[in-house]
Amino acid sequence: MTNKYLLHGKLTAQVGKKEELAKILLEASTLVSTTKGCQLYAVSKDKNDGNAVYVTEIWDSKDDHDNSLKGVGVRELIMKAMPIMDGQPTKGQELEILGGAAI
């Protein structure tokens, strides 16, 4: 189908910090929205999990994703998010896109 890069990850906030973490990730979505290769950066939450925030990203390539982490302000947001997370983030799922609307 396509060689696009899809990353889906769960970030767990410390108790009572989910909304703050979500806000930081939404700021990140604004920063990367105009970055080369960004097709989608969606932030979501599960109403049944009081501490989890999910990020789903689609990029033209893994290199575009990796380069986005070097963008102005991105590193600062990562440093802002780390202290309110419950442990280190786990590696997100790298999924193969089979197709779908707007792909």
PDB file of N, CA and C in Angstrom:
ATOM      1  N   MET A   1       0.833  -1.195   0.000  1.00  0.00           N
ATOM      2  CA  MET A   1       0.000   0.000   0.000  1.00  0.00           C
ATOM      3  C   MET A   1       0.866   1.242   0.000  1.00  0.00           C
ATOM      4  N   THR A   2       1.475   1.529   1.124  1.00  0.00           N
ATOM      5  CA  THR A   2       2.250   2.761   1.251  1.00  0.00           C
ATOM      6  C   THR A   2       3.428   2.523   2.173  1.00  0.00           C
ATOM      7  N   ASN A   3       4.420   3.349   2.060  1.00  0.00           N
ATOM      8  CA  ASN A   3       5.582   3.223   2.933  1.00  0.00           C
ATOM      9  C   ASN A   3       5.521   4.201   4.094  1.00  0.00           C
ATOM     10  N   LYS A   4       4.365   4.762   4.345  1.00  0.00           N
ATOM     11  CA  LYS A   4       4.232   5.717   5.449  1.00  0.00           C
ATOM     12  C   LYS A   4       4.552   5.053   6.784  1.00  0.00           C
ATOM     13  N   TYR A   5       4.890   5.862   7.760  1.00  0.00           N
ATOM     14  CA  TYR A   5       5.278   5.385   9.086  1.00  0.00           C
ATOM     15  C   TYR A   5       4.177   5.732  10.070  1.00  0.00           C
ATOM     16  N   LEU A   6       3.642   4.732  10.766  1.00  0.00           N
ATOM     17  CA  LEU A   6       2.598   4.947  11.758  1.00  0.00           C
ATOM     18  C   LEU A   6       3.117   4.511  13.119  1.00  0.00           C
ATOM     19  N   LEU A   7       2.982   5.394  14.079  1.00  0.00           N
ATOM     20  CA  LEU A   7       3.402   5.116  15.448  1.00  0.00           C
ATOM     21  C   LEU A   7       2.217   5.387  16.370  1.00  0.00           C
ATOM     22  N   HIS A   8       1.895   4.404  17.209  1.00  0.00           N
ATOM     23  CA  HIS A   8       0.787   4.548  18.153  1.00  0.00           C
ATOM     24  C   HIS A   8       1.330   4.233  19.541  1.00  0.00           C
ATOM     25  N   GLY A   9       1.241   5.195  20.447  1.00  0.00           N
ATOM     26  CA  GLY A   9       1.813   4.991  21.764  1.00  0.00           C
ATOM     27  C   GLY A   9       0.902   5.422  22.895  1.00  0.00           C
ATOM     28  N   LYS A  10       1.106   4.776  24.025  1.00  0.00           N
ATOM     29  CA  LYS A  10       0.383   5.091  25.250  1.00  0.00           C
ATOM     30  C   LYS A  10       1.373   5.708  26.222  1.00  0.00           C
ATOM     31  N   LEU A  11       1.041   6.886  26.734  1.00  0.00           N
ATOM     32  CA  LEU A  11       1.850   7.540  27.751  1.00  0.00           C
ATOM     33  C   LEU A  11       1.028   7.572  29.026  1.00  0.00           C
ATOM     34  N   THR A  12       1.637   7.165  30.116  1.00  0.00           N
ATOM     35  CA  THR A  12       0.921   7.098  31.381  1.00  0.00           C
ATOM     36  C   THR A  12       1.364   8.243  32.288  1.00  0.00           C
ATOM     37  N   ALA A  13       0.399   9.034  32.707  1.00  0.00           N
ATOM     38  CA  ALA A  13       0.665  10.167  33.595  1.00  0.00           C
ATOM     39  C   ALA A  13       0.611   9.716  35.045  1.00  0.00           C
ATOM     40  N   GLN A  14       1.253  10.478  35.896  1.00  0.00           N
ATOM     41  CA  GLN A  14       1.095  10.266  37.329  1.00  0.00           C
ATOM     42  C   GLN A  14      -0.358  10.566  37.679  1.00  0.00           C
ATOM     43  N   VAL A  15      -0.823   9.987  38.777  1.00  0.00           N
ATOM     44  CA  VAL A  15      -2.203  10.189  39.213  1.00  0.00           C
ATOM     45  C   VAL A  15      -2.506  11.691  39.294  1.00  0.00           C
ATOM     46  N   GLY A  16      -3.596  12.086  38.666  1.00  0.00           N
ATOM     47  CA  GLY A  16      -4.025  13.476  38.683  1.00  0.00           C
ATOM     48  C   GLY A  16      -3.340  14.370  37.664  1.00  0.00           C
ATOM     49  N   LYS A  17      -2.467  13.823  36.821  1.00  0.00           N
ATOM     50  CA  LYS A  17      -1.704  14.636  35.866  1.00  0.00           C
ATOM     51  C   LYS A  17      -2.071  14.357  34.411  1.00  0.00           C
ATOM     52  N   LYS A  18      -3.116  13.553  34.178  1.00  0.00           N
ATOM     53  CA  LYS A  18      -3.468  13.194  32.800  1.00  0.00           C
ATOM     54  C   LYS A  18      -3.809  14.417  31.949  1.00  0.00           C
ATOM     55  N   GLU A  19      -4.599  15.327  32.482  1.00  0.00           N
ATOM     56  CA  GLU A  19      -4.998  16.501  31.692  1.00  0.00           C
ATOM     57  C   GLU A  19      -3.787  17.383  31.373  1.00  0.00           C
ATOM     58  N   GLU A  20      -2.876  17.505  32.312  1.00  0.00           N
ATOM     59  CA  GLU A  20      -1.656  18.294  32.080  1.00  0.00           C
ATOM     60  C   GLU A  20      -0.801  17.639  30.993  1.00  0.00           C
ATOM     61  N   LEU A  21      -0.671  16.324  31.042  1.00  0.00           N
ATOM     62  CA  LEU A  21       0.088  15.612  30.012  1.00  0.00           C
ATOM     63  C   LEU A  21      -0.592  15.763  28.652  1.00  0.00           C
ATOM     64  N   ALA A  22      -1.892  15.633  28.624  1.00  0.00           N
ATOM     65  CA  ALA A  22      -2.632  15.791  27.365  1.00  0.00           C
ATOM     66  C   ALA A  22      -2.422  17.184  26.784  1.00  0.00           C
ATOM     67  N   LYS A  23      -2.424  18.196  27.632  1.00  0.00           N
ATOM     68  CA  LYS A  23      -2.213  19.568  27.165  1.00  0.00           C
ATOM     69  C   LYS A  23      -0.828  19.727  26.527  1.00  0.00           C
ATOM     70  N   ILE A  24       0.187  19.145  27.135  1.00  0.00           N
ATOM     71  CA  ILE A  24       1.541  19.205  26.580  1.00  0.00           C
ATOM     72  C   ILE A  24       1.591  18.507  25.218  1.00  0.00           C
ATOM     73  N   LEU A  25       0.939  17.353  25.117  1.00  0.00           N
ATOM     74  CA  LEU A  25       0.934  16.619  23.853  1.00  0.00           C
ATOM     75  C   LEU A  25       0.149  17.360  22.770  1.00  0.00           C
ATOM     76  N   LEU A  26      -0.890  18.066  23.163  1.00  0.00           N
ATOM     77  CA  LEU A  26      -1.617  18.893  22.197  1.00  0.00           C
ATOM     78  C   LEU A  26      -0.755  20.061  21.717  1.00  0.00           C
ATOM     79  N   GLU A  27       0.065  20.616  22.614  1.00  0.00           N
ATOM     80  CA  GLU A  27       1.035  21.645  22.194  1.00  0.00           C
ATOM     81  C   GLU A  27       2.002  21.050  21.183  1.00  0.00           C
ATOM     82  N   ALA A  28       2.452  19.829  21.439  1.00  0.00           N
ATOM     83  CA  ALA A  28       3.365  19.154  20.510  1.00  0.00           C
ATOM     84  C   ALA A  28       2.700  18.966  19.148  1.00  0.00           C
ATOM     85  N   SER A  29       1.411  18.640  19.147  1.00  0.00           N
ATOM     86  CA  SER A  29       0.715  18.446  17.873  1.00  0.00           C
ATOM     87  C   SER A  29       0.716  19.726  17.045  1.00  0.00           C
ATOM     88  N   THR A  30       0.588  20.859  17.718  1.00  0.00           N
ATOM     89  CA  THR A  30       0.632  22.144  17.020  1.00  0.00           C
ATOM     90  C   THR A  30       2.015  22.387  16.438  1.00  0.00           C
ATOM     91  N   LEU A  31       3.049  22.083  17.215  1.00  0.00           N
ATOM     92  CA  LEU A  31       4.418  22.277  16.743  1.00  0.00           C
ATOM     93  C   LEU A  31       4.741  21.426  15.525  1.00  0.00           C
ATOM     94  N   VAL A  32       4.348  20.164  15.549  1.00  0.00           N
ATOM     95  CA  VAL A  32       4.747  19.262  14.458  1.00  0.00           C
ATOM     96  C   VAL A  32       3.783  19.294  13.276  1.00  0.00           C
ATOM     97  N   SER A  33       2.660  19.961  13.411  1.00  0.00           N
ATOM     98  CA  SER A  33       1.645  19.950  12.351  1.00  0.00           C
ATOM     99  C   SER A  33       2.170  20.478  11.020  1.00  0.00           C
ATOM    100  N   THR A  34       3.148  21.345  11.057  1.00  0.00           N
ATOM    101  CA  THR A  34       3.713  21.885   9.815  1.00  0.00           C
ATOM    102  C   THR A  34       5.092  21.308   9.509  1.00  0.00           C
ATOM    103  N   THR A  35       5.502  20.320  10.279  1.00  0.00           N
ATOM    104  CA  THR A  35       6.797  19.691  10.073  1.00  0.00           C
ATOM    105  C   THR A  35       6.747  18.810   8.831  1.00  0.00           C
ATOM    106  N   LYS A  36       7.843  18.782   8.106  1.00  0.00           N
ATOM    107  CA  LYS A  36       7.941  17.974   6.892  1.00  0.00           C
ATOM    108  C   LYS A  36       7.537  16.528   7.190  1.00  0.00           C
ATOM    109  N   GLY A  37       6.589  16.028   6.418  1.00  0.00           N
ATOM    110  CA  GLY A  37       6.203  14.635   6.482  1.00  0.00           C
ATOM    111  C   GLY A  37       5.095  14.292   7.457  1.00  0.00           C
ATOM    112  N   CYS A  38       4.651  15.247   8.266  1.00  0.00           N
ATOM    113  CA  CYS A  38       3.594  14.950   9.247  1.00  0.00           C
ATOM    114  C   CYS A  38       2.234  14.895   8.548  1.00  0.00           C
ATOM    115  N   GLN A  39       1.610  13.744   8.614  1.00  0.00           N
ATOM    116  CA  GLN A  39       0.285  13.562   8.039  1.00  0.00           C
ATOM    117  C   GLN A  39      -0.799  13.578   9.117  1.00  0.00           C
ATOM    118  N   LEU A  40      -0.436  13.100  10.319  1.00  0.00           N
ATOM    119  CA  LEU A  40      -1.403  13.017  11.411  1.00  0.00           C
ATOM    120  C   LEU A  40      -0.654  12.986  12.734  1.00  0.00           C
ATOM    121  N   TYR A  41      -1.145  13.727  13.697  1.00  0.00           N
ATOM    122  CA  TYR A  41      -0.651  13.658  15.081  1.00  0.00           C
ATOM    123  C   TYR A  41      -1.890  13.840  15.947  1.00  0.00           C
ATOM    124  N   ALA A  42      -2.463  12.736  16.363  1.00  0.00           N
ATOM    125  CA  ALA A  42      -3.719  12.763  17.115  1.00  0.00           C
ATOM    126  C   ALA A  42      -3.467  12.392  18.566  1.00  0.00           C
ATOM    127  N   VAL A  43      -4.011  13.189  19.468  1.00  0.00           N
ATOM    128  CA  VAL A  43      -3.906  12.950  20.903  1.00  0.00           C
ATOM    129  C   VAL A  43      -5.287  12.502  21.375  1.00  0.00           C
ATOM    130  N   SER A  44      -5.322  11.415  22.156  1.00  0.00           N
ATOM    131  CA  SER A  44      -6.614  10.890  22.605  1.00  0.00           C
ATOM    132  C   SER A  44      -6.491  10.319  24.007  1.00  0.00           C
ATOM    133  N   LYS A  45      -7.654  10.047  24.597  1.00  0.00           N
ATOM    134  CA  LYS A  45      -7.655   9.435  25.926  1.00  0.00           C
ATOM    135  C   LYS A  45      -8.764   8.396  25.987  1.00  0.00           C
ATOM    136  N   ASP A  46      -8.591   7.463  26.902  1.00  0.00           N
ATOM    137  CA  ASP A  46      -9.554   6.401  27.142  1.00  0.00           C
ATOM    138  C   ASP A  46     -10.292   6.772  28.423  1.00  0.00           C
ATOM    139  N   LYS A  47     -11.593   6.966  28.333  1.00  0.00           N
ATOM    140  CA  LYS A  47     -12.341   7.392  29.521  1.00  0.00           C
ATOM    141  C   LYS A  47     -12.318   6.343  30.628  1.00  0.00           C
ATOM    142  N   ASN A  48     -11.902   5.110  30.299  1.00  0.00           N
ATOM    143  CA  ASN A  48     -11.839   4.048  31.299  1.00  0.00           C
ATOM    144  C   ASN A  48     -10.457   3.885  31.922  1.00  0.00           C
ATOM    145  N   ASP A  49      -9.503   4.677  31.476  1.00  0.00           N
ATOM    146  CA  ASP A  49      -8.148   4.617  32.036  1.00  0.00           C
ATOM    147  C   ASP A  49      -7.803   6.020  32.517  1.00  0.00           C
ATOM    148  N   GLY A  50      -7.790   6.207  33.818  1.00  0.00           N
ATOM    149  CA  GLY A  50      -7.635   7.534  34.401  1.00  0.00           C
ATOM    150  C   GLY A  50      -6.279   8.177  34.235  1.00  0.00           C
ATOM    151  N   ASN A  51      -5.272   7.449  33.734  1.00  0.00           N
ATOM    152  CA  ASN A  51      -3.929   8.012  33.655  1.00  0.00           C
ATOM    153  C   ASN A  51      -3.303   7.969  32.264  1.00  0.00           C
ATOM    154  N   ALA A  52      -3.963   7.379  31.301  1.00  0.00           N
ATOM    155  CA  ALA A  52      -3.358   7.175  29.983  1.00  0.00           C
ATOM    156  C   ALA A  52      -3.749   8.251  28.978  1.00  0.00           C
ATOM    157  N   VAL A  53      -2.754   8.652  28.179  1.00  0.00           N
ATOM    158  CA  VAL A  53      -2.961   9.519  27.028  1.00  0.00           C
ATOM    159  C   VAL A  53      -2.306   8.809  25.849  1.00  0.00           C
ATOM    160  N   TYR A  54      -2.978   8.786  24.728  1.00  0.00           N
ATOM    161  CA  TYR A  54      -2.482   8.095  23.541  1.00  0.00           C
ATOM    162  C   TYR A  54      -2.106   9.103  22.467  1.00  0.00           C
ATOM    163  N   VAL A  55      -1.077   8.764  21.706  1.00  0.00           N
ATOM    164  CA  VAL A  55      -0.685   9.572  20.556  1.00  0.00           C
ATOM    165  C   VAL A  55      -0.592   8.640  19.355  1.00  0.00           C
ATOM    166  N   THR A  56      -1.265   9.013  18.286  1.00  0.00           N
ATOM    167  CA  THR A  56      -1.197   8.282  17.028  1.00  0.00           C
ATOM    168  C   THR A  56      -0.631   9.227  15.977  1.00  0.00           C
ATOM    169  N   GLU A  57       0.449   8.794  15.344  1.00  0.00           N
ATOM    170  CA  GLU A  57       1.144   9.639  14.373  1.00  0.00           C
ATOM    171  C   GLU A  57       1.277   8.903  13.050  1.00  0.00           C
ATOM    172  N   ILE A  58       1.096   9.629  11.950  1.00  0.00           N
ATOM    173  CA  ILE A  58       1.402   9.111  10.628  1.00  0.00           C
ATOM    174  C   ILE A  58       2.353  10.106   9.966  1.00  0.00           C
ATOM    175  N   TRP A  59       3.449   9.570   9.481  1.00  0.00           N
ATOM    176  CA  TRP A  59       4.498  10.363   8.832  1.00  0.00           C
ATOM    177  C   TRP A  59       4.793   9.776   7.454  1.00  0.00           C
ATOM    178  N   ASP A  60       5.324  10.605   6.576  1.00  0.00           N
ATOM    179  CA  ASP A  60       5.732  10.105   5.262  1.00  0.00           C
ATOM    180  C   ASP A  60       6.829   9.050   5.399  1.00  0.00           C
ATOM    181  N   SER A  61       7.663   9.180   6.433  1.00  0.00           N
ATOM    182  CA  SER A  61       8.745   8.209   6.654  1.00  0.00           C
ATOM    183  C   SER A  61       9.164   8.237   8.123  1.00  0.00           C
ATOM    184  N   LYS A  62       9.858   7.189   8.539  1.00  0.00           N
ATOM    185  CA  LYS A  62      10.403   7.144   9.895  1.00  0.00           C
ATOM    186  C   LYS A  62      11.423   8.267  10.085  1.00  0.00           C
ATOM    187  N   ASP A  63      12.197   8.569   9.051  1.00  0.00           N
ATOM    188  CA  ASP A  63      13.164   9.666   9.140  1.00  0.00           C
ATOM    189  C   ASP A  63      12.476  10.991   9.434  1.00  0.00           C
ATOM    190  N   ASP A  64      11.330  11.239   8.786  1.00  0.00           N
ATOM    191  CA  ASP A  64      10.587  12.477   9.063  1.00  0.00           C
ATOM    192  C   ASP A  64      10.161  12.517  10.529  1.00  0.00           C
ATOM    193  N   HIS A  65       9.690  11.394  11.047  1.00  0.00           N
ATOM    194  CA  HIS A  65       9.313  11.335  12.462  1.00  0.00           C
ATOM    195  C   HIS A  65      10.518  11.629  13.344  1.00  0.00           C
ATOM    196  N   ASP A  66      11.622  10.942  13.094  1.00  0.00           N
ATOM    197  CA  ASP A  66      12.823  11.120  13.907  1.00  0.00           C
ATOM    198  C   ASP A  66      13.321  12.562  13.858  1.00  0.00           C
ATOM    199  N   ASN A  67      13.280  13.172  12.685  1.00  0.00           N
ATOM    200  CA  ASN A  67      13.712  14.567  12.543  1.00  0.00           C
ATOM    201  C   ASN A  67      12.784  15.531  13.274  1.00  0.00           C
ATOM    202  N   SER A  68      11.502  15.173  13.406  1.00  0.00           N
ATOM    203  CA  SER A  68      10.557  16.049  14.101  1.00  0.00           C
ATOM    204  C   SER A  68      10.932  16.215  15.570  1.00  0.00           C
ATOM    205  N   LEU A  69      11.598  15.229  16.133  1.00  0.00           N
ATOM    206  CA  LEU A  69      12.002  15.297  17.539  1.00  0.00           C
ATOM    207  C   LEU A  69      13.096  16.332  17.769  1.00  0.00           C
ATOM    208  N   LYS A  70      13.702  16.803  16.685  1.00  0.00           N
ATOM    209  CA  LYS A  70      14.763  17.815  16.770  1.00  0.00           C
ATOM    210  C   LYS A  70      14.227  19.225  16.527  1.00  0.00           C
ATOM    211  N   GLY A  71      12.928  19.339  16.273  1.00  0.00           N
ATOM    212  CA  GLY A  71      12.328  20.625  15.940  1.00  0.00           C
ATOM    213  C   GLY A  71      12.338  21.605  17.106  1.00  0.00           C
ATOM    214  N   VAL A  72      12.270  22.876  16.758  1.00  0.00           N
ATOM    215  CA  VAL A  72      12.272  23.941  17.757  1.00  0.00           C
ATOM    216  C   VAL A  72      11.091  23.753  18.704  1.00  0.00           C
ATOM    217  N   GLY A  73      11.378  23.692  19.984  1.00  0.00           N
ATOM    218  CA  GLY A  73      10.350  23.581  21.009  1.00  0.00           C
ATOM    219  C   GLY A  73       9.954  22.156  21.365  1.00  0.00           C
ATOM    220  N   VAL A  74      10.220  21.197  20.493  1.00  0.00           N
ATOM    221  CA  VAL A  74       9.801  19.819  20.749  1.00  0.00           C
ATOM    222  C   VAL A  74      10.562  19.240  21.939  1.00  0.00           C
ATOM    223  N   ARG A  75      11.846  19.404  21.960  1.00  0.00           N
ATOM    224  CA  ARG A  75      12.662  18.873  23.065  1.00  0.00           C
ATOM    225  C   ARG A  75      12.206  19.489  24.391  1.00  0.00           C
ATOM    226  N   GLU A  76      11.856  20.767  24.387  1.00  0.00           N
ATOM    227  CA  GLU A  76      11.406  21.436  25.601  1.00  0.00           C
ATOM    228  C   GLU A  76      10.094  20.828  26.111  1.00  0.00           C
ATOM    229  N   LEU A  77       9.199  20.496  25.187  1.00  0.00           N
ATOM    230  CA  LEU A  77       7.935  19.874  25.599  1.00  0.00           C
ATOM    231  C   LEU A  77       8.165  18.467  26.147  1.00  0.00           C
ATOM    232  N   ILE A  78       9.107  17.743  25.555  1.00  0.00           N
ATOM    233  CA  ILE A  78       9.439  16.421  26.082  1.00  0.00           C
ATOM    234  C   ILE A  78       9.952  16.549  27.513  1.00  0.00           C
ATOM    235  N   MET A  79      10.826  17.518  27.752  1.00  0.00           N
ATOM    236  CA  MET A  79      11.378  17.722  29.097  1.00  0.00           C
ATOM    237  C   MET A  79      10.296  18.166  30.080  1.00  0.00           C
ATOM    238  N   LYS A  80       9.289  18.868  29.597  1.00  0.00           N
ATOM    239  CA  LYS A  80       8.181  19.308  30.433  1.00  0.00           C
ATOM    240  C   LYS A  80       7.269  18.130  30.804  1.00  0.00           C
ATOM    241  N   ALA A  81       7.129  17.174  29.891  1.00  0.00           N
ATOM    242  CA  ALA A  81       6.240  16.034  30.109  1.00  0.00           C
ATOM    243  C   ALA A  81       6.860  14.962  31.008  1.00  0.00           C
ATOM    244  N   MET A  82       8.154  14.778  30.910  1.00  0.00           N
ATOM    245  CA  MET A  82       8.806  13.667  31.623  1.00  0.00           C
ATOM    246  C   MET A  82       8.531  13.651  33.136  1.00  0.00           C
ATOM    247  N   PRO A  83       8.609  14.785  33.843  1.00  0.00           N
ATOM    248  CA  PRO A  83       8.404  14.730  35.298  1.00  0.00           C
ATOM    249  C   PRO A  83       6.987  14.366  35.743  1.00  0.00           C
ATOM    250  N   ILE A  84       6.001  14.510  34.863  1.00  0.00           N
ATOM    251  CA  ILE A  84       4.626  14.188  35.264  1.00  0.00           C
ATOM    252  C   ILE A  84       4.187  12.818  34.764  1.00  0.00           C
ATOM    253  N   MET A  85       5.098  12.102  34.123  1.00  0.00           N
ATOM    254  CA  MET A  85       4.781  10.756  33.652  1.00  0.00           C
ATOM    255  C   MET A  85       5.083   9.737  34.737  1.00  0.00           C
ATOM    256  N   ASP A  86       4.333   8.661  34.707  1.00  0.00           N
ATOM    257  CA  ASP A  86       4.529   7.558  35.646  1.00  0.00           C
ATOM    258  C   ASP A  86       5.532   6.589  35.020  1.00  0.00           C
ATOM    259  N   GLY A  87       6.809   6.888  35.171  1.00  0.00           N
ATOM    260  CA  GLY A  87       7.865   6.074  34.578  1.00  0.00           C
ATOM    261  C   GLY A  87       8.224   6.541  33.181  1.00  0.00           C
ATOM    262  N   GLN A  88       9.187   5.862  32.604  1.00  0.00           N
ATOM    263  CA  GLN A  88       9.630   6.176  31.248  1.00  0.00           C
ATOM    264  C   GLN A  88       8.567   5.735  30.241  1.00  0.00           C
ATOM    265  N   PRO A  89       8.442   6.479  29.140  1.00  0.00           N
ATOM    266  CA  PRO A  89       7.486   6.035  28.122  1.00  0.00           C
ATOM    267  C   PRO A  89       7.943   4.710  27.515  1.00  0.00           C
ATOM    268  N   THR A  90       6.991   3.870  27.205  1.00  0.00           N
ATOM    269  CA  THR A  90       7.326   2.622  26.531  1.00  0.00           C
ATOM    270  C   THR A  90       7.337   2.862  25.033  1.00  0.00           C
ATOM    271  N   LYS A  91       8.052   2.032  24.331  1.00  0.00           N
ATOM    272  CA  LYS A  91       8.121   2.169  22.878  1.00  0.00           C
ATOM    273  C   LYS A  91       6.729   1.991  22.295  1.00  0.00           C
ATOM    274  N   GLY A  92       6.353   2.901  21.422  1.00  0.00           N
ATOM    275  CA  GLY A  92       5.050   2.811  20.777  1.00  0.00           C
ATOM    276  C   GLY A  92       4.997   1.694  19.753  1.00  0.00           C
ATOM    277  N   GLN A  93       3.799   1.345  19.365  1.00  0.00           N
ATOM    278  CA  GLN A  93       3.608   0.343  18.324  1.00  0.00           C
ATOM    279  C   GLN A  93       3.903   0.961  16.967  1.00  0.00           C
ATOM    280  N   GLU A  94       4.769   0.338  16.209  1.00  0.00           N
ATOM    281  CA  GLU A  94       5.004   0.745  14.822  1.00  0.00           C
ATOM    282  C   GLU A  94       4.136  -0.170  13.983  1.00  0.00           C
ATOM    283  N   LEU A  95       3.119   0.405  13.355  1.00  0.00           N
ATOM    284  CA  LEU A  95       2.124  -0.381  12.638  1.00  0.00           C
ATOM    285  C   LEU A  95       2.240  -0.161  11.134  1.00  0.00           C
ATOM    286  N   GLU A  96       1.914  -1.194  10.382  1.00  0.00           N
ATOM    287  CA  GLU A  96       1.918  -1.105   8.929  1.00  0.00           C
ATOM    288  C   GLU A  96       0.530  -0.642   8.468  1.00  0.00           C
ATOM    289  N   ILE A  97       0.505   0.403   7.694  1.00  0.00           N
ATOM    290  CA  ILE A  97      -0.767   0.926   7.175  1.00  0.00           C
ATOM    291  C   ILE A  97      -1.204   0.074   5.997  1.00  0.00           C
ATOM    292  N   LEU A  98      -2.425  -0.419   6.073  1.00  0.00           N
ATOM    293  CA  LEU A  98      -2.983  -1.225   4.994  1.00  0.00           C
ATOM    294  C   LEU A  98      -3.836  -0.395   4.041  1.00  0.00           C
ATOM    295  N   GLY A  99      -4.359   0.711   4.531  1.00  0.00           N
ATOM    296  CA  GLY A  99      -5.200   1.564   3.712  1.00  0.00           C
ATOM    297  C   GLY A  99      -6.217   2.275   4.577  1.00  0.00           C
ATOM    298  N   GLY A 100      -7.148   2.954   3.967  1.00  0.00           N
ATOM    299  CA  GLY A 100      -8.190   3.655   4.695  1.00  0.00           C
ATOM    300  C   GLY A 100      -8.476   5.009   4.097  1.00  0.00           C
ATOM    301  N   ALA A 101      -9.458   5.694   4.657  1.00  0.00           N
ATOM    302  CA  ALA A 101      -9.847   7.011   4.168  1.00  0.00           C
ATOM    303  C   ALA A 101      -8.705   8.000   4.371  1.00  0.00           C
ATOM    304  N   ALA A 102      -8.472   8.835   3.416  1.00  0.00           N
ATOM    305  CA  ALA A 102      -7.462   9.906   3.459  1.00  0.00           C
ATOM    306  C   ALA A 102      -6.021   9.394   3.515  1.00  0.00           C
ATOM    307  N   ILE A 103      -5.799   8.141   3.219  1.00  0.00           N
ATOM    308  CA  ILE A 103      -4.439   7.586   3.205  1.00  0.00           C
ATOM    309  C   ILE A 103      -3.942   7.576   1.788  1.00  0.00           C
TER     310      ILE A 103
END
